Amino acid sequence: MGPLSSFEQMDTVLGQLEEAKAAGATLIGGEALP
């Protein structure tokens, strides 16, 4: 994989993941890479 298309798109996805965890879901992996 390459990067996401933009930093804005990365922020959108990371925001969705935070909402999912707040709703009770478990996230395995899926982290922003250094």
PDB file of all heavy atoms in Angstrom:
ATOM      1  N   MET A   1       0.849  -1.192   0.000  1.00  0.00           N
ATOM      2  CA  MET A   1       0.000   0.000   0.000  1.00  0.00           C
ATOM      3  C   MET A   1       0.880   1.236   0.000  1.00  0.00           C
ATOM      4  O   MET A   1       1.983   1.222   0.551  1.00  0.00           O
ATOM      5  CB  MET A   1      -0.892   0.057   1.244  1.00  0.00           C
ATOM      6  CG  MET A   1      -1.814  -1.103   1.460  1.00  0.00           C
ATOM      7  SD  MET A   1      -2.883  -0.836   2.916  1.00  0.00           S
ATOM      8  CE  MET A   1      -1.685  -0.948   4.258  1.00  0.00           C
ATOM      9  N   GLY A   2       0.367   2.296  -0.581  1.00  0.00           N
ATOM     10  CA  GLY A   2       0.993   3.596  -0.438  1.00  0.00           C
ATOM     11  C   GLY A   2       0.303   4.348   0.682  1.00  0.00           C
ATOM     12  O   GLY A   2      -0.441   3.775   1.485  1.00  0.00           O
ATOM     13  N   PRO A   3       0.488   5.651   0.758  1.00  0.00           N
ATOM     14  CA  PRO A   3      -0.234   6.465   1.737  1.00  0.00           C
ATOM     15  C   PRO A   3      -1.682   6.649   1.299  1.00  0.00           C
ATOM     16  O   PRO A   3      -2.053   6.307   0.180  1.00  0.00           O
ATOM     17  CB  PRO A   3       0.515   7.792   1.693  1.00  0.00           C
ATOM     18  CG  PRO A   3       0.992   7.882   0.265  1.00  0.00           C
ATOM     19  CD  PRO A   3       1.353   6.471  -0.116  1.00  0.00           C
ATOM     20  N   LEU A   4      -2.493   7.209   2.190  1.00  0.00           N
ATOM     21  CA  LEU A   4      -3.804   7.656   1.761  1.00  0.00           C
ATOM     22  C   LEU A   4      -3.615   8.866   0.848  1.00  0.00           C
ATOM     23  O   LEU A   4      -2.528   9.431   0.769  1.00  0.00           O
ATOM     24  CB  LEU A   4      -4.684   7.987   2.955  1.00  0.00           C
ATOM     25  CG  LEU A   4      -5.511   6.788   3.479  1.00  0.00           C
ATOM     26  CD1 LEU A   4      -4.612   5.694   4.038  1.00  0.00           C
ATOM     27  CD2 LEU A   4      -6.506   7.244   4.552  1.00  0.00           C
ATOM     28  N   SER A   5      -4.667   9.262   0.180  1.00  0.00           N
ATOM     29  CA  SER A   5      -4.542  10.267  -0.878  1.00  0.00           C
ATOM     30  C   SER A   5      -4.126  11.635  -0.375  1.00  0.00           C
ATOM     31  O   SER A   5      -3.597  12.444  -1.146  1.00  0.00           O
ATOM     32  CB  SER A   5      -5.875  10.400  -1.624  1.00  0.00           C
ATOM     33  OG  SER A   5      -6.869  10.902  -0.750  1.00  0.00           O
ATOM     34  N   SER A   6      -4.391  11.917   0.899  1.00  0.00           N
ATOM     35  CA  SER A   6      -4.066  13.232   1.449  1.00  0.00           C
ATOM     36  C   SER A   6      -4.058  13.138   2.967  1.00  0.00           C
ATOM     37  O   SER A   6      -4.567  12.174   3.563  1.00  0.00           O
ATOM     38  CB  SER A   6      -5.096  14.278   1.006  1.00  0.00           C
ATOM     39  OG  SER A   6      -6.367  13.983   1.572  1.00  0.00           O
ATOM     40  N   PHE A   7      -3.502  14.146   3.589  1.00  0.00           N
ATOM     41  CA  PHE A   7      -3.506  14.186   5.049  1.00  0.00           C
ATOM     42  C   PHE A   7      -4.927  14.414   5.572  1.00  0.00           C
ATOM     43  O   PHE A   7      -5.278  13.927   6.651  1.00  0.00           O
ATOM     44  CB  PHE A   7      -2.550  15.272   5.531  1.00  0.00           C
ATOM     45  CG  PHE A   7      -1.105  14.959   5.225  1.00  0.00           C
ATOM     46  CD1 PHE A   7      -0.520  15.426   4.055  1.00  0.00           C
ATOM     47  CD2 PHE A   7      -0.360  14.163   6.074  1.00  0.00           C
ATOM     48  CE1 PHE A   7       0.800  15.115   3.755  1.00  0.00           C
ATOM     49  CE2 PHE A   7       0.961  13.844   5.777  1.00  0.00           C
ATOM     50  CZ  PHE A   7       1.541  14.324   4.605  1.00  0.00           C
ATOM     51  N   GLU A   8      -5.738  15.109   4.797  1.00  0.00           N
ATOM     52  CA  GLU A   8      -7.142  15.298   5.188  1.00  0.00           C
ATOM     53  C   GLU A   8      -7.880  13.965   5.193  1.00  0.00           C
ATOM     54  O   GLU A   8      -8.676  13.687   6.104  1.00  0.00           O
ATOM     55  CB  GLU A   8      -7.821  16.274   4.232  1.00  0.00           C
ATOM     56  CG  GLU A   8      -7.343  17.718   4.323  1.00  0.00           C
ATOM     57  CD  GLU A   8      -6.014  17.951   3.615  1.00  0.00           C
ATOM     58  OE1 GLU A   8      -5.529  17.045   2.913  1.00  0.00           O
ATOM     59  OE2 GLU A   8      -5.459  19.056   3.779  1.00  0.00           O
ATOM     60  N   GLN A   9      -7.613  13.130   4.199  1.00  0.00           N
ATOM     61  CA  GLN A   9      -8.243  11.824   4.158  1.00  0.00           C
ATOM     62  C   GLN A   9      -7.784  10.955   5.325  1.00  0.00           C
ATOM     63  O   GLN A   9      -8.575  10.213   5.917  1.00  0.00           O
ATOM     64  CB  GLN A   9      -7.941  11.126   2.825  1.00  0.00           C
ATOM     65  CG  GLN A   9      -8.599   9.767   2.645  1.00  0.00           C
ATOM     66  CD  GLN A   9     -10.110   9.825   2.679  1.00  0.00           C
ATOM     67  OE1 GLN A   9     -10.710  10.847   2.363  1.00  0.00           O
ATOM     68  NE2 GLN A   9     -10.731   8.725   3.067  1.00  0.00           N
ATOM     69  N   MET A  10      -6.529  11.026   5.671  1.00  0.00           N
ATOM     70  CA  MET A  10      -6.022  10.280   6.818  1.00  0.00           C
ATOM     71  C   MET A  10      -6.733  10.722   8.099  1.00  0.00           C
ATOM     72  O   MET A  10      -7.144   9.877   8.917  1.00  0.00           O
ATOM     73  CB  MET A  10      -4.514  10.475   6.964  1.00  0.00           C
ATOM     74  CG  MET A  10      -3.915   9.689   8.126  1.00  0.00           C
ATOM     75  SD  MET A  10      -2.106   9.816   8.249  1.00  0.00           S
ATOM     76  CE  MET A  10      -1.919  11.524   8.757  1.00  0.00           C
ATOM     77  N   ASP A  11      -6.903  12.016   8.269  1.00  0.00           N
ATOM     78  CA  ASP A  11      -7.591  12.518   9.462  1.00  0.00           C
ATOM     79  C   ASP A  11      -9.037  12.027   9.504  1.00  0.00           C
ATOM     80  O   ASP A  11      -9.563  11.705  10.584  1.00  0.00           O
ATOM     81  CB  ASP A  11      -7.558  14.044   9.487  1.00  0.00           C
ATOM     82  CG  ASP A  11      -6.169  14.597   9.768  1.00  0.00           C
ATOM     83  OD1 ASP A  11      -5.319  13.841  10.273  1.00  0.00           O
ATOM     84  OD2 ASP A  11      -5.929  15.786   9.464  1.00  0.00           O
ATOM     85  N   THR A  12      -9.690  11.971   8.347  1.00  0.00           N
ATOM     86  CA  THR A  12     -11.068  11.489   8.295  1.00  0.00           C
ATOM     87  C   THR A  12     -11.153  10.048   8.772  1.00  0.00           C
ATOM     88  O   THR A  12     -12.020   9.691   9.597  1.00  0.00           O
ATOM     89  CB  THR A  12     -11.624  11.597   6.864  1.00  0.00           C
ATOM     90  OG1 THR A  12     -11.675  12.971   6.491  1.00  0.00           O
ATOM     91  CG2 THR A  12     -13.017  11.000   6.769  1.00  0.00           C
ATOM     92  N   VAL A  13     -10.268   9.196   8.269  1.00  0.00           N
ATOM     93  CA  VAL A  13     -10.293   7.774   8.653  1.00  0.00           C
ATOM     94  C   VAL A  13      -9.961   7.603  10.132  1.00  0.00           C
ATOM     95  O   VAL A  13     -10.636   6.852  10.856  1.00  0.00           O
ATOM     96  CB  VAL A  13      -9.318   6.970   7.779  1.00  0.00           C
ATOM     97  CG1 VAL A  13      -9.200   5.532   8.286  1.00  0.00           C
ATOM     98  CG2 VAL A  13      -9.782   6.967   6.329  1.00  0.00           C
ATOM     99  N   LEU A  14      -8.948   8.296  10.610  1.00  0.00           N
ATOM    100  CA  LEU A  14      -8.589   8.189  12.030  1.00  0.00           C
ATOM    101  C   LEU A  14      -9.736   8.660  12.919  1.00  0.00           C
ATOM    102  O   LEU A  14      -9.976   8.091  13.994  1.00  0.00           O
ATOM    103  CB  LEU A  14      -7.324   8.998  12.313  1.00  0.00           C
ATOM    104  CG  LEU A  14      -6.035   8.471  11.670  1.00  0.00           C
ATOM    105  CD1 LEU A  14      -4.873   9.427  11.945  1.00  0.00           C
ATOM    106  CD2 LEU A  14      -5.703   7.073  12.177  1.00  0.00           C
ATOM    107  N   GLY A  15     -10.463   9.681  12.467  1.00  0.00           N
ATOM    108  CA  GLY A  15     -11.626  10.146  13.225  1.00  0.00           C
ATOM    109  C   GLY A  15     -12.720   9.090  13.285  1.00  0.00           C
ATOM    110  O   GLY A  15     -13.365   8.893  14.332  1.00  0.00           O
ATOM    111  N   GLN A  16     -12.947   8.380  12.179  1.00  0.00           N
ATOM    112  CA  GLN A  16     -13.933   7.298  12.169  1.00  0.00           C
ATOM    113  C   GLN A  16     -13.543   6.181  13.137  1.00  0.00           C
ATOM    114  O   GLN A  16     -14.393   5.611  13.822  1.00  0.00           O
ATOM    115  CB  GLN A  16     -14.066   6.729  10.755  1.00  0.00           C
ATOM    116  CG  GLN A  16     -14.797   7.622   9.773  1.00  0.00           C
ATOM    117  CD  GLN A  16     -14.878   6.984   8.393  1.00  0.00           C
ATOM    118  OE1 GLN A  16     -13.853   6.718   7.761  1.00  0.00           O
ATOM    119  NE2 GLN A  16     -16.081   6.735   7.923  1.00  0.00           N
ATOM    120  N   LEU A  17     -12.256   5.887  13.195  1.00  0.00           N
ATOM    121  CA  LEU A  17     -11.796   4.821  14.086  1.00  0.00           C
ATOM    122  C   LEU A  17     -11.988   5.211  15.546  1.00  0.00           C
ATOM    123  O   LEU A  17     -12.344   4.364  16.382  1.00  0.00           O
ATOM    124  CB  LEU A  17     -10.334   4.506  13.798  1.00  0.00           C
ATOM    125  CG  LEU A  17     -10.035   3.976  12.391  1.00  0.00           C
ATOM    126  CD1 LEU A  17      -8.549   3.662  12.243  1.00  0.00           C
ATOM    127  CD2 LEU A  17     -10.871   2.739  12.087  1.00  0.00           C
ATOM    128  N   GLU A  18     -11.761   6.459  15.868  1.00  0.00           N
ATOM    129  CA  GLU A  18     -11.991   6.911  17.244  1.00  0.00           C
ATOM    130  C   GLU A  18     -13.468   6.809  17.602  1.00  0.00           C
ATOM    131  O   GLU A  18     -13.816   6.409  18.724  1.00  0.00           O
ATOM    132  CB  GLU A  18     -11.488   8.349  17.420  1.00  0.00           C
ATOM    133  CG  GLU A  18      -9.966   8.481  17.394  1.00  0.00           C
ATOM    134  CD  GLU A  18      -9.295   7.629  18.455  1.00  0.00           C
ATOM    135  OE1 GLU A  18      -9.766   7.634  19.614  1.00  0.00           O
ATOM    136  OE2 GLU A  18      -8.312   6.945  18.121  1.00  0.00           O
ATOM    137  N   GLU A  19     -14.335   7.154  16.669  1.00  0.00           N
ATOM    138  CA  GLU A  19     -15.778   7.026  16.911  1.00  0.00           C
ATOM    139  C   GLU A  19     -16.160   5.574  17.114  1.00  0.00           C
ATOM    140  O   GLU A  19     -17.003   5.247  17.964  1.00  0.00           O
ATOM    141  CB  GLU A  19     -16.563   7.608  15.732  1.00  0.00           C
ATOM    142  CG  GLU A  19     -16.510   9.119  15.621  1.00  0.00           C
ATOM    143  CD  GLU A  19     -17.348   9.632  14.453  1.00  0.00           C
ATOM    144  OE1 GLU A  19     -18.050   8.825  13.821  1.00  0.00           O
ATOM    145  OE2 GLU A  19     -17.296  10.842  14.184  1.00  0.00           O
ATOM    146  N   ALA A  20     -15.563   4.676  16.336  1.00  0.00           N
ATOM    147  CA  ALA A  20     -15.865   3.253  16.460  1.00  0.00           C
ATOM    148  C   ALA A  20     -15.459   2.729  17.830  1.00  0.00           C
ATOM    149  O   ALA A  20     -16.209   1.987  18.480  1.00  0.00           O
ATOM    150  CB  ALA A  20     -15.163   2.470  15.357  1.00  0.00           C
ATOM    151  N   LYS A  21     -14.273   3.101  18.277  1.00  0.00           N
ATOM    152  CA  LYS A  21     -13.813   2.645  19.595  1.00  0.00           C
ATOM    153  C   LYS A  21     -14.696   3.210  20.710  1.00  0.00           C
ATOM    154  O   LYS A  21     -14.996   2.522  21.688  1.00  0.00           O
ATOM    155  CB  LYS A  21     -12.350   3.034  19.786  1.00  0.00           C
ATOM    156  CG  LYS A  21     -11.395   2.236  18.903  1.00  0.00           C
ATOM    157  CD  LYS A  21      -9.940   2.486  19.258  1.00  0.00           C
ATOM    158  CE  LYS A  21      -9.462   3.852  18.851  1.00  0.00           C
ATOM    159  NZ  LYS A  21      -8.002   4.026  19.106  1.00  0.00           N
ATOM    160  N   ALA A  22     -15.110   4.460  20.533  1.00  0.00           N
ATOM    161  CA  ALA A  22     -15.983   5.067  21.538  1.00  0.00           C
ATOM    162  C   ALA A  22     -17.331   4.361  21.604  1.00  0.00           C
ATOM    163  O   ALA A  22     -17.972   4.330  22.661  1.00  0.00           O
ATOM    164  CB  ALA A  22     -16.177   6.553  21.229  1.00  0.00           C
ATOM    165  N   ALA A  23     -17.751   3.782  20.479  1.00  0.00           N
ATOM    166  CA  ALA A  23     -19.038   3.067  20.435  1.00  0.00           C
ATOM    167  C   ALA A  23     -18.916   1.643  20.958  1.00  0.00           C
ATOM    168  O   ALA A  23     -19.928   0.936  21.063  1.00  0.00           O
ATOM    169  CB  ALA A  23     -19.570   3.049  19.011  1.00  0.00           C
ATOM    170  N   GLY A  24     -17.694   1.194  21.275  1.00  0.00           N
ATOM    171  CA  GLY A  24     -17.517  -0.136  21.843  1.00  0.00           C
ATOM    172  C   GLY A  24     -16.786  -1.127  20.967  1.00  0.00           C
ATOM    173  O   GLY A  24     -16.593  -2.284  21.364  1.00  0.00           O
ATOM    174  N   ALA A  25     -16.372  -0.727  19.762  1.00  0.00           N
ATOM    175  CA  ALA A  25     -15.656  -1.641  18.862  1.00  0.00           C
ATOM    176  C   ALA A  25     -14.198  -1.791  19.301  1.00  0.00           C
ATOM    177  O   ALA A  25     -13.649  -0.932  19.993  1.00  0.00           O
ATOM    178  CB  ALA A  25     -15.718  -1.122  17.428  1.00  0.00           C
ATOM    179  N   THR A  26     -13.592  -2.900  18.889  1.00  0.00           N
ATOM    180  CA  THR A  26     -12.174  -3.143  19.161  1.00  0.00           C
ATOM    181  C   THR A  26     -11.391  -2.987  17.861  1.00  0.00           C
ATOM    182  O   THR A  26     -11.746  -3.590  16.844  1.00  0.00           O
ATOM    183  CB  THR A  26     -11.969  -4.567  19.712  1.00  0.00           C
ATOM    184  OG1 THR A  26     -12.663  -4.695  20.962  1.00  0.00           O
ATOM    185  CG2 THR A  26     -10.492  -4.852  19.924  1.00  0.00           C
ATOM    186  N   LEU A  27     -10.333  -2.195  17.897  1.00  0.00           N
ATOM    187  CA  LEU A  27      -9.496  -1.976  16.725  1.00  0.00           C
ATOM    188  C   LEU A  27      -8.190  -2.741  16.879  1.00  0.00           C
ATOM    189  O   LEU A  27      -7.480  -2.583  17.873  1.00  0.00           O
ATOM    190  CB  LEU A  27      -9.204  -0.484  16.531  1.00  0.00           C
ATOM    191  CG  LEU A  27      -8.232  -0.121  15.402  1.00  0.00           C
ATOM    192  CD1 LEU A  27      -8.794  -0.523  14.042  1.00  0.00           C
ATOM    193  CD2 LEU A  27      -7.905   1.370  15.434  1.00  0.00           C
ATOM    194  N   ILE A  28      -7.882  -3.557  15.886  1.00  0.00           N
ATOM    195  CA  ILE A  28      -6.616  -4.292  15.838  1.00  0.00           C
ATOM    196  C   ILE A  28      -5.792  -3.693  14.707  1.00  0.00           C
ATOM    197  O   ILE A  28      -6.189  -3.766  13.540  1.00  0.00           O
ATOM    198  CB  ILE A  28      -6.862  -5.791  15.593  1.00  0.00           C
ATOM    199  CG1 ILE A  28      -7.814  -6.352  16.647  1.00  0.00           C
ATOM    200  CG2 ILE A  28      -5.540  -6.559  15.578  1.00  0.00           C
ATOM    201  CD1 ILE A  28      -8.333  -7.739  16.321  1.00  0.00           C
ATOM    202  N   GLY A  29      -4.670  -3.073  15.021  1.00  0.00           N
ATOM    203  CA  GLY A  29      -3.878  -2.392  14.005  1.00  0.00           C
ATOM    204  C   GLY A  29      -4.523  -1.073  13.634  1.00  0.00           C
ATOM    205  O   GLY A  29      -5.130  -0.384  14.464  1.00  0.00           O
ATOM    206  N   GLY A  30      -4.372  -0.678  12.364  1.00  0.00           N
ATOM    207  CA  GLY A  30      -5.049   0.511  11.869  1.00  0.00           C
ATOM    208  C   GLY A  30      -4.570   1.814  12.462  1.00  0.00           C
ATOM    209  O   GLY A  30      -5.364   2.748  12.645  1.00  0.00           O
ATOM    210  N   GLU A  31      -3.288   1.918  12.758  1.00  0.00           N
ATOM    211  CA  GLU A  31      -2.754   3.133  13.371  1.00  0.00           C
ATOM    212  C   GLU A  31      -2.017   3.991  12.345  1.00  0.00           C
ATOM    213  O   GLU A  31      -1.520   3.486  11.338  1.00  0.00           O
ATOM    214  CB  GLU A  31      -1.794   2.765  14.506  1.00  0.00           C
ATOM    215  CG  GLU A  31      -2.460   1.981  15.629  1.00  0.00           C
ATOM    216  CD  GLU A  31      -1.458   1.548  16.690  1.00  0.00           C
ATOM    217  OE1 GLU A  31      -0.244   1.607  16.395  1.00  0.00           O
ATOM    218  OE2 GLU A  31      -1.895   1.164  17.780  1.00  0.00           O
ATOM    219  N   ALA A  32      -1.966   5.279  12.621  1.00  0.00           N
ATOM    220  CA  ALA A  32      -1.144   6.158  11.802  1.00  0.00           C
ATOM    221  C   ALA A  32       0.313   5.760  11.981  1.00  0.00           C
ATOM    222  O   ALA A  32       0.772   5.512  13.098  1.00  0.00           O
ATOM    223  CB  ALA A  32      -1.355   7.610  12.216  1.00  0.00           C
ATOM    224  N   LEU A  33       1.039   5.673  10.876  1.00  0.00           N
ATOM    225  CA  LEU A  33       2.420   5.215  10.926  1.00  0.00           C
ATOM    226  C   LEU A  33       3.369   6.396  11.075  1.00  0.00           C
ATOM    227  O   LEU A  33       3.087   7.494  10.593  1.00  0.00           O
ATOM    228  CB  LEU A  33       2.741   4.424   9.664  1.00  0.00           C
ATOM    229  CG  LEU A  33       1.850   3.197   9.412  1.00  0.00           C
ATOM    230  CD1 LEU A  33       2.289   2.465   8.148  1.00  0.00           C
ATOM    231  CD2 LEU A  33       1.883   2.248  10.610  1.00  0.00           C
ATOM    232  N   PRO A  34       4.496   6.193  11.755  1.00  0.00           N
ATOM    233  CA  PRO A  34       5.443   7.308  11.945  1.00  0.00           C
ATOM    234  C   PRO A  34       6.036   7.752  10.624  1.00  0.00           C
ATOM    235  O   PRO A  34       6.110   6.997   9.657  1.00  0.00           O
ATOM    236  CB  PRO A  34       6.507   6.690  12.868  1.00  0.00           C
ATOM    237  CG  PRO A  34       6.406   5.209  12.652  1.00  0.00           C
ATOM    238  CD  PRO A  34       4.959   4.936  12.381  1.00  0.00           C
TER     239      PRO A  34
END
